[in-house]
Amino acid sequence: MSVRLNLMPWRDRRRAAAVRRFQASLLGSAVAALALVLVVDQLAQARLREQLSANLALRSQVEAAEQPLRQLDEVLEARTQIERRHAALVRLRAGQQAVPGVLAALEQAAPVGLQVSGLRVQEGQLTLTGLAANAALVARLARDMQRLAVLRDVEVRHIRSSAEGDRFELVARLPLHGS
């Protein structure tokens, strides 16, 4: 008699156990991978928070360091404005000192027969208008003004004849502080 053994159920159980072991290891690997991903994510978020806090600390240090620079810029701007005002005051003072000398020199240079009707000093330029008996007196005034130490570049802008005489306009540069 031969015994016939049916090994199919045993093989099926063995296969089912292997499948369960595989499924368990697969599930364990998935859980371990998920746990690893969560741990890595938490570490990355913690590092990001640390980096953000370090960046904020550095930014506040930079802002604290920039504050004296801003104050220095304000001081430099104020200094520049003061220097501009000082230069303007120096120019005004030089102009004030030059005007009496110019008037005295013009009084000496003006020939008889010439009337000065206008005198204007603006931006270092003197403009003289008036009436002369003839054009020769205007030419003589221009020559004499050119010889004066207080005037430079004297030129006759125009001479117009009228019933009263010759109307003229002379222009000269005032040499203020080496200009």
C-alpha atoms as a PDB file:
ATOM      1  CA  MET A   1       0.000   0.000   0.000  1.00  0.00           C
ATOM      2  CA  SER A   2       1.354   3.084  -0.818  1.00  0.00           C
ATOM      3  CA  VAL A   3       0.579   6.092   1.038  1.00  0.00           C
ATOM      4  CA  ARG A   4      -0.084   9.123  -0.873  1.00  0.00           C
ATOM      5  CA  LEU A   5       0.661  12.225   0.946  1.00  0.00           C
ATOM      6  CA  ASN A   6      -0.848  15.428  -0.134  1.00  0.00           C
ATOM      7  CA  LEU A   7       1.766  18.110   0.421  1.00  0.00           C
ATOM      8  CA  MET A   8      -0.279  20.885  -1.116  1.00  0.00           C
ATOM      9  CA  PRO A   9      -1.781  22.262   2.080  1.00  0.00           C
ATOM     10  CA  TRP A  10       1.623  22.294   3.750  1.00  0.00           C
ATOM     11  CA  ARG A  11       3.132  24.113   0.769  1.00  0.00           C
ATOM     12  CA  ASP A  12       0.221  26.516   0.714  1.00  0.00           C
ATOM     13  CA  ARG A  13       0.669  27.261   4.400  1.00  0.00           C
ATOM     14  CA  ARG A  14       4.379  27.722   3.871  1.00  0.00           C
ATOM     15  CA  ARG A  15       3.736  30.082   0.946  1.00  0.00           C
ATOM     16  CA  ALA A  16       1.118  31.976   2.925  1.00  0.00           C
ATOM     17  CA  ALA A  17       3.562  32.326   5.835  1.00  0.00           C
ATOM     18  CA  ALA A  18       6.255  33.612   3.443  1.00  0.00           C
ATOM     19  CA  VAL A  19       3.786  36.082   1.956  1.00  0.00           C
ATOM     20  CA  ARG A  20       2.791  37.234   5.451  1.00  0.00           C
ATOM     21  CA  ARG A  21       6.461  37.614   6.412  1.00  0.00           C
ATOM     22  CA  PHE A  22       7.075  39.578   3.184  1.00  0.00           C
ATOM     23  CA  GLN A  23       4.014  41.755   3.816  1.00  0.00           C
ATOM     24  CA  ALA A  24       5.103  42.335   7.418  1.00  0.00           C
ATOM     25  CA  SER A  25       8.637  43.251   6.359  1.00  0.00           C
ATOM     26  CA  LEU A  26       7.203  45.476   3.622  1.00  0.00           C
ATOM     27  CA  LEU A  27       4.895  47.176   6.108  1.00  0.00           C
ATOM     28  CA  GLY A  28       7.760  47.492   8.618  1.00  0.00           C
ATOM     29  CA  SER A  29      10.001  48.996   5.935  1.00  0.00           C
ATOM     30  CA  ALA A  30       7.272  51.478   4.938  1.00  0.00           C
ATOM     31  CA  VAL A  31       6.728  52.467   8.592  1.00  0.00           C
ATOM     32  CA  ALA A  32      10.509  52.787   9.112  1.00  0.00           C
ATOM     33  CA  ALA A  33      10.843  54.851   5.913  1.00  0.00           C
ATOM     34  CA  LEU A  34       7.955  57.086   6.995  1.00  0.00           C
ATOM     35  CA  ALA A  35       9.500  57.492  10.437  1.00  0.00           C
ATOM     36  CA  LEU A  36      12.863  58.288   8.838  1.00  0.00           C
ATOM     37  CA  VAL A  37      11.244  60.857   6.525  1.00  0.00           C
ATOM     38  CA  LEU A  38       9.449  62.481   9.495  1.00  0.00           C
ATOM     39  CA  VAL A  39      12.683  62.596  11.518  1.00  0.00           C
ATOM     40  CA  VAL A  40      14.608  64.096   8.590  1.00  0.00           C
ATOM     41  CA  ASP A  41      11.785  66.617   8.008  1.00  0.00           C
ATOM     42  CA  GLN A  42      11.800  67.625  11.675  1.00  0.00           C
ATOM     43  CA  LEU A  43      15.577  68.035  11.591  1.00  0.00           C
ATOM     44  CA  ALA A  44      15.353  70.134   8.408  1.00  0.00           C
ATOM     45  CA  GLN A  45      12.623  72.319   9.925  1.00  0.00           C
ATOM     46  CA  ALA A  46      14.656  72.773  13.113  1.00  0.00           C
ATOM     47  CA  ARG A  47      17.719  73.715  11.033  1.00  0.00           C
ATOM     48  CA  LEU A  48      15.595  76.136   8.983  1.00  0.00           C
ATOM     49  CA  ARG A  49      14.271  77.764  12.161  1.00  0.00           C
ATOM     50  CA  GLU A  50      17.828  78.084  13.471  1.00  0.00           C
ATOM     51  CA  GLN A  51      18.951  79.622  10.177  1.00  0.00           C
ATOM     52  CA  LEU A  52      16.031  82.081  10.181  1.00  0.00           C
ATOM     53  CA  SER A  53      16.782  83.097  13.750  1.00  0.00           C
ATOM     54  CA  ALA A  54      20.489  83.521  12.861  1.00  0.00           C
ATOM     55  CA  ASN A  55      19.494  85.608   9.835  1.00  0.00           C
ATOM     56  CA  LEU A  56      17.262  87.818  12.004  1.00  0.00           C
ATOM     57  CA  ALA A  57      20.080  88.273  14.524  1.00  0.00           C
ATOM     58  CA  LEU A  58      22.506  89.181  11.727  1.00  0.00           C
ATOM     59  CA  ARG A  59      19.975  91.551  10.180  1.00  0.00           C
ATOM     60  CA  SER A  60      19.504  93.340  13.504  1.00  0.00           C
ATOM     61  CA  GLN A  61      23.300  93.581  13.885  1.00  0.00           C
ATOM     62  CA  VAL A  62      23.592  95.009  10.368  1.00  0.00           C
ATOM     63  CA  GLU A  63      20.852  97.548  11.090  1.00  0.00           C
ATOM     64  CA  ALA A  64      22.569  98.499  14.343  1.00  0.00           C
ATOM     65  CA  ALA A  65      25.844  98.938  12.441  1.00  0.00           C
ATOM     66  CA  GLU A  66      24.149 100.999   9.727  1.00  0.00           C
ATOM     67  CA  GLN A  67      22.671 103.473  12.220  1.00  0.00           C
ATOM     68  CA  PRO A  68      26.006 105.261  12.851  1.00  0.00           C
ATOM     69  CA  LEU A  69      26.561 105.321   9.083  1.00  0.00           C
ATOM     70  CA  ARG A  70      23.224 107.043   8.593  1.00  0.00           C
ATOM     71  CA  GLN A  71      24.116 109.533  11.290  1.00  0.00           C
ATOM     72  CA  LEU A  72      27.490 110.093   9.624  1.00  0.00           C
ATOM     73  CA  ASP A  73      25.754 110.704   6.282  1.00  0.00           C
ATOM     74  CA  GLU A  74      23.469 113.250   7.957  1.00  0.00           C
ATOM     75  CA  VAL A  75      26.455 114.976   9.552  1.00  0.00           C
ATOM     76  CA  LEU A  76      28.306 115.038   6.222  1.00  0.00           C
ATOM     77  CA  GLU A  77      25.243 116.487   4.494  1.00  0.00           C
ATOM     78  CA  ALA A  78      24.931 119.154   7.182  1.00  0.00           C
ATOM     79  CA  ARG A  79      28.633 119.923   6.796  1.00  0.00           C
ATOM     80  CA  THR A  80      28.254 120.271   3.031  1.00  0.00           C
ATOM     81  CA  GLN A  81      25.347 122.684   3.524  1.00  0.00           C
ATOM     82  CA  ILE A  82      27.355 124.693   6.041  1.00  0.00           C
ATOM     83  CA  GLU A  83      30.310 124.839   3.641  1.00  0.00           C
ATOM     84  CA  ARG A  84      28.001 126.063   0.856  1.00  0.00           C
ATOM     85  CA  ARG A  85      26.583 128.744   3.140  1.00  0.00           C
ATOM     86  CA  HIS A  86      30.059 129.750   4.222  1.00  0.00           C
ATOM     87  CA  ALA A  87      31.207 130.057   0.613  1.00  0.00           C
ATOM     88  CA  ALA A  88      28.142 132.176  -0.187  1.00  0.00           C
ATOM     89  CA  LEU A  89      28.868 134.395   2.824  1.00  0.00           C
ATOM     90  CA  VAL A  90      32.501 134.757   1.750  1.00  0.00           C
ATOM     91  CA  ARG A  91      31.352 135.781  -1.734  1.00  0.00           C
ATOM     92  CA  LEU A  92      28.896 138.280  -0.239  1.00  0.00           C
ATOM     93  CA  ARG A  93      31.533 139.666   2.088  1.00  0.00           C
ATOM     94  CA  ALA A  94      33.987 140.038  -0.788  1.00  0.00           C
ATOM     95  CA  GLY A  95      31.289 141.725  -2.846  1.00  0.00           C
ATOM     96  CA  GLN A  96      30.538 144.117   0.012  1.00  0.00           C
ATOM     97  CA  GLN A  97      34.194 145.006   0.308  1.00  0.00           C
ATOM     98  CA  ALA A  98      34.568 145.464  -3.448  1.00  0.00           C
ATOM     99  CA  VAL A  99      31.561 147.761  -4.003  1.00  0.00           C
ATOM    100  CA  PRO A 100      32.924 150.834  -2.150  1.00  0.00           C
ATOM    101  CA  GLY A 101      36.237 150.464  -3.980  1.00  0.00           C
ATOM    102  CA  VAL A 102      34.433 150.128  -7.313  1.00  0.00           C
ATOM    103  CA  LEU A 103      32.296 153.201  -6.629  1.00  0.00           C
ATOM    104  CA  ALA A 104      35.321 155.294  -5.633  1.00  0.00           C
ATOM    105  CA  ALA A 105      37.260 154.123  -8.698  1.00  0.00           C
ATOM    106  CA  LEU A 106      34.296 154.839 -11.005  1.00  0.00           C
ATOM    107  CA  GLU A 107      33.957 158.300  -9.530  1.00  0.00           C
ATOM    108  CA  GLN A 108      37.586 159.013 -10.403  1.00  0.00           C
ATOM    109  CA  ALA A 109      37.336 157.409 -13.866  1.00  0.00           C
ATOM    110  CA  ALA A 110      34.110 159.171 -14.951  1.00  0.00           C
ATOM    111  CA  PRO A 111      34.945 162.089 -17.263  1.00  0.00           C
ATOM    112  CA  VAL A 112      33.099 165.413 -17.166  1.00  0.00           C
ATOM    113  CA  GLY A 113      30.053 165.372 -19.467  1.00  0.00           C
ATOM    114  CA  LEU A 114      28.991 161.840 -18.532  1.00  0.00           C
ATOM    115  CA  GLN A 115      26.007 160.953 -16.312  1.00  0.00           C
ATOM    116  CA  VAL A 116      25.600 157.516 -14.742  1.00  0.00           C
ATOM    117  CA  SER A 117      21.917 156.598 -14.529  1.00  0.00           C
ATOM    118  CA  GLY A 118      22.190 152.975 -13.446  1.00  0.00           C
ATOM    119  CA  LEU A 119      24.650 150.720 -11.663  1.00  0.00           C
ATOM    120  CA  ARG A 120      23.923 147.032 -11.111  1.00  0.00           C
ATOM    121  CA  VAL A 121      26.193 144.381  -9.559  1.00  0.00           C
ATOM    122  CA  GLN A 122      24.970 140.848 -10.077  1.00  0.00           C
ATOM    123  CA  GLU A 123      26.882 137.559  -9.864  1.00  0.00           C
ATOM    124  CA  GLY A 124      30.280 139.227 -10.109  1.00  0.00           C
ATOM    125  CA  GLN A 125      29.316 141.393 -13.058  1.00  0.00           C
ATOM    126  CA  LEU A 126      28.960 145.174 -13.009  1.00  0.00           C
ATOM    127  CA  THR A 127      26.571 146.820 -15.469  1.00  0.00           C
ATOM    128  CA  LEU A 128      26.805 150.609 -15.854  1.00  0.00           C
ATOM    129  CA  THR A 129      24.227 152.607 -17.842  1.00  0.00           C
ATOM    130  CA  GLY A 130      24.093 156.301 -18.472  1.00  0.00           C
ATOM    131  CA  LEU A 131      24.133 159.283 -20.828  1.00  0.00           C
ATOM    132  CA  ALA A 132      27.231 160.883 -22.380  1.00  0.00           C
ATOM    133  CA  ALA A 133      27.703 164.059 -24.375  1.00  0.00           C
ATOM    134  CA  ASN A 134      29.404 161.996 -27.106  1.00  0.00           C
ATOM    135  CA  ALA A 135      30.731 158.497 -27.842  1.00  0.00           C
ATOM    136  CA  ALA A 136      34.342 159.578 -27.190  1.00  0.00           C
ATOM    137  CA  LEU A 137      33.509 160.085 -23.505  1.00  0.00           C
ATOM    138  CA  VAL A 138      32.107 156.547 -23.347  1.00  0.00           C
ATOM    139  CA  ALA A 139      35.302 155.181 -24.956  1.00  0.00           C
ATOM    140  CA  ARG A 140      37.423 157.145 -22.496  1.00  0.00           C
ATOM    141  CA  LEU A 141      35.356 155.798 -19.557  1.00  0.00           C
ATOM    142  CA  ALA A 142      35.799 152.224 -20.841  1.00  0.00           C
ATOM    143  CA  ARG A 143      39.579 152.722 -21.149  1.00  0.00           C
ATOM    144  CA  ASP A 144      39.839 154.227 -17.679  1.00  0.00           C
ATOM    145  CA  MET A 145      37.678 151.451 -16.195  1.00  0.00           C
ATOM    146  CA  GLN A 146      39.922 148.826 -17.821  1.00  0.00           C
ATOM    147  CA  ARG A 147      42.930 150.357 -16.035  1.00  0.00           C
ATOM    148  CA  LEU A 148      41.218 150.043 -12.641  1.00  0.00           C
ATOM    149  CA  ALA A 149      42.433 147.159 -10.468  1.00  0.00           C
ATOM    150  CA  VAL A 150      38.905 146.413  -9.248  1.00  0.00           C
ATOM    151  CA  LEU A 151      37.443 145.670 -12.716  1.00  0.00           C
ATOM    152  CA  ARG A 152      38.248 143.159 -15.472  1.00  0.00           C
ATOM    153  CA  ASP A 153      37.055 142.593 -19.047  1.00  0.00           C
ATOM    154  CA  VAL A 154      35.350 145.956 -19.571  1.00  0.00           C
ATOM    155  CA  GLU A 155      33.265 146.105 -22.726  1.00  0.00           C
ATOM    156  CA  VAL A 156      30.782 148.526 -24.245  1.00  0.00           C
ATOM    157  CA  ARG A 157      27.547 146.656 -24.850  1.00  0.00           C
ATOM    158  CA  HIS A 158      25.847 149.377 -26.826  1.00  0.00           C
ATOM    159  CA  ILE A 159      25.744 153.095 -27.555  1.00  0.00           C
ATOM    160  CA  ARG A 160      22.568 154.715 -28.897  1.00  0.00           C
ATOM    161  CA  SER A 161      22.297 158.301 -29.984  1.00  0.00           C
ATOM    162  CA  SER A 162      19.362 160.303 -28.722  1.00  0.00           C
ATOM    163  CA  ALA A 163      18.359 163.973 -28.521  1.00  0.00           C
ATOM    164  CA  GLU A 164      19.885 164.304 -25.028  1.00  0.00           C
ATOM    165  CA  GLY A 165      23.187 162.598 -25.994  1.00  0.00           C
ATOM    166  CA  ASP A 166      24.528 159.071 -26.360  1.00  0.00           C
ATOM    167  CA  ARG A 167      22.926 156.426 -24.120  1.00  0.00           C
ATOM    168  CA  PHE A 168      25.407 153.653 -23.246  1.00  0.00           C
ATOM    169  CA  GLU A 169      25.743 150.404 -21.377  1.00  0.00           C
ATOM    170  CA  LEU A 170      29.117 149.141 -20.107  1.00  0.00           C
ATOM    171  CA  VAL A 171      29.737 145.699 -18.613  1.00  0.00           C
ATOM    172  CA  ALA A 172      32.729 144.660 -16.487  1.00  0.00           C
ATOM    173  CA  ARG A 173      33.638 141.644 -14.353  1.00  0.00           C
ATOM    174  CA  LEU A 174      34.466 142.082 -10.664  1.00  0.00           C
ATOM    175  CA  PRO A 175      37.472 139.946  -9.717  1.00  0.00           C
ATOM    176  CA  LEU A 176      36.172 138.387  -6.497  1.00  0.00           C
ATOM    177  CA  HIS A 177      38.568 135.912  -4.894  1.00  0.00           C
ATOM    178  CA  GLY A 178      40.618 135.147  -7.974  1.00  0.00           C
ATOM    179  CA  SER A 179      37.693 134.771 -10.394  1.00  0.00           C
END
